[in-house]
Each structure stands twice: as structure tokens, then as C-alpha cells.
């Protein structure tokens, strides 16, 4: 069995089901505050002429921005269905299909 088929056959638990929506807001808010601290550090480092503090503050801010986008991705992965789930469900019959069948039978 090739390695890529093995990974697809494993049952993957929904990670986001363990975390409620409120937890995403709390983690995102704390991360946002840390990002603001990073920007304040970068401003102070620039004013004082300390390059390490300046670049360190910008690095903290950049990491927090990436973490915020990661949280957004986790939330949307939690709320949307995967293409496999969509394809496995049969389409409900519509009334237009019945009308088309009646016209074709004449």
C-alpha cells in the first residue's frame, strides 16, 4: 500500500469540534494584544535606536498576524464541509426533474 493512500484512509478527528467558537475569540484577542505589544516594542526600539528590539517587535507582530490567519483558517475549515462529504450525499429530487420527465414521455 503506497504511503499516500494510507493517509487518506485514516479517520481524522475534527480538531475544531473540541474547541468552541468562544475559545477562538479568546485566543484571537490574546494574540492581538501580543501583536500590539510587538508593535509597541518595535516603535520604542526605533525611537531608542536599538535594532534588536525593533526587529524583534516586528517579528512578534508578523508571527501573530500569521497566527490570526491560521485561526481564521481553522474556523472556516470547521464550518464548511469537505468536497468528499458533498459528493457522497445524493442530490435531493427536484420538482423540475419530474416535469421534464413528463414532457419527455409524451
Protein backbone atom coordinates (compact mmCIF):
# COMPACT_ATOMS: atom_id res chain seq x y z
CA UNK A 1 0.00 0.00 0.00
CA UNK A 2 1.54 3.35 -1.02
CA UNK A 3 2.07 5.87 1.78
CA UNK A 4 -0.33 8.48 0.28
CA UNK A 5 -3.26 6.01 0.23
CA UNK A 6 -2.67 5.09 3.86
CA UNK A 7 -3.02 8.68 4.99
CA UNK A 8 -6.33 9.13 3.15
CA UNK A 9 -7.86 6.01 4.68
CA UNK A 10 -7.25 7.04 8.29
CA UNK A 11 -10.11 8.55 10.23
CA UNK A 12 -9.18 12.13 11.03
CA UNK A 13 -10.98 13.56 14.07
CA UNK A 14 -12.41 17.05 13.81
CA UNK A 15 -9.95 19.18 15.71
CA UNK A 16 -12.23 22.19 15.70
CA UNK A 17 -15.07 20.23 17.30
CA UNK A 18 -13.06 20.20 20.53
CA UNK A 19 -12.84 23.99 20.62
CA UNK A 20 -15.92 26.19 20.76
CA UNK A 21 -16.32 29.45 18.86
CA UNK A 22 -15.79 31.47 22.03
CA UNK A 23 -12.36 29.91 22.50
CA UNK A 24 -11.33 31.14 19.04
CA UNK A 25 -12.34 34.68 20.03
CA UNK A 26 -10.42 34.46 23.32
CA UNK A 27 -7.25 33.10 21.69
CA UNK A 28 -7.54 35.64 18.88
CA UNK A 29 -7.95 38.51 21.34
CA UNK A 30 -4.96 37.46 23.41
CA UNK A 31 -2.89 37.04 20.25
CA UNK A 32 -3.99 40.51 19.09
CA UNK A 33 -2.82 42.03 22.36
CA UNK A 34 0.54 40.29 22.00
CA UNK A 35 0.77 41.69 18.46
CA UNK A 36 0.15 45.20 19.79
CA UNK A 37 2.91 44.70 22.36
CA UNK A 38 5.20 43.68 19.49
CA UNK A 39 4.35 46.88 17.60
CA UNK A 40 4.96 48.98 20.72
CA UNK A 41 8.34 47.26 21.17
CA UNK A 42 9.20 47.98 17.55
CA UNK A 43 8.26 51.66 17.97
CA UNK A 44 10.32 52.01 21.13
CA UNK A 45 13.26 50.19 19.57
CA UNK A 46 13.13 52.53 16.60
CA UNK A 47 12.98 55.62 18.84
CA UNK A 48 15.86 54.46 21.02
CA UNK A 49 17.91 53.17 18.10
CA UNK A 50 18.07 49.56 19.34
CA UNK A 51 17.88 47.38 16.25
CA UNK A 52 17.32 44.11 18.11
CA UNK A 53 14.22 45.41 19.89
CA UNK A 54 12.93 46.96 16.66
CA UNK A 55 13.28 43.80 14.57
CA UNK A 56 12.16 41.59 17.45
CA UNK A 57 8.94 43.61 17.83
CA UNK A 58 8.25 43.40 14.11
CA UNK A 59 8.94 39.64 14.18
CA UNK A 60 6.48 39.19 17.07
CA UNK A 61 3.85 41.16 15.17
CA UNK A 62 4.41 39.14 11.97
CA UNK A 63 4.10 35.82 13.82
CA UNK A 64 0.88 36.99 15.48
CA UNK A 65 -0.61 38.06 12.14
CA UNK A 66 0.15 34.59 10.76
CA UNK A 67 -1.42 33.03 13.88
CA UNK A 68 -4.57 35.11 13.38
CA UNK A 69 -4.88 33.93 9.78
CA UNK A 70 -4.33 30.36 10.99
CA UNK A 71 -7.23 30.79 13.45
CA UNK A 72 -9.42 32.10 10.64
CA UNK A 73 -8.49 29.08 8.52
CA UNK A 74 -9.31 26.71 11.38
CA UNK A 75 -12.70 28.33 11.84
CA UNK A 76 -13.63 28.12 8.16
CA UNK A 77 -12.37 24.53 7.94
CA UNK A 78 -14.66 23.75 10.89
CA UNK A 79 -17.75 25.41 9.41
CA UNK A 80 -17.52 24.19 5.80
CA UNK A 81 -17.98 20.68 4.51
CA UNK A 82 -15.28 18.89 2.62
CA UNK A 83 -15.72 18.03 -1.08
CA UNK A 84 -15.83 14.32 -0.18
CA UNK A 85 -18.82 14.87 2.11
CA UNK A 86 -20.58 16.92 -0.55
CA UNK A 87 -20.02 14.33 -3.29
CA UNK A 88 -21.09 11.37 -1.16
CA UNK A 89 -24.55 12.81 -0.43
CA UNK A 90 -27.14 12.16 -3.15
CA UNK A 91 -28.87 15.20 -4.57
CA UNK A 92 -32.49 15.60 -3.47
CA UNK A 93 -35.05 15.14 -6.23
CA UNK A 94 -36.45 18.39 -7.52
CA UNK A 95 -39.86 19.14 -8.96
CA UNK A 96 -38.26 20.34 -12.21
CA UNK A 97 -36.91 16.84 -12.89
CA UNK A 98 -40.40 15.38 -12.67
CA UNK A 99 -41.83 17.99 -15.02
CA UNK A 100 -39.08 17.29 -17.52
CA UNK A 101 -39.78 13.55 -17.37
CA UNK A 102 -43.48 14.11 -18.03
CA UNK A 103 -42.77 16.28 -21.08
CA UNK A 104 -40.27 13.74 -22.44
CA UNK A 105 -42.76 10.87 -22.10
CA UNK A 106 -45.29 12.45 -24.46
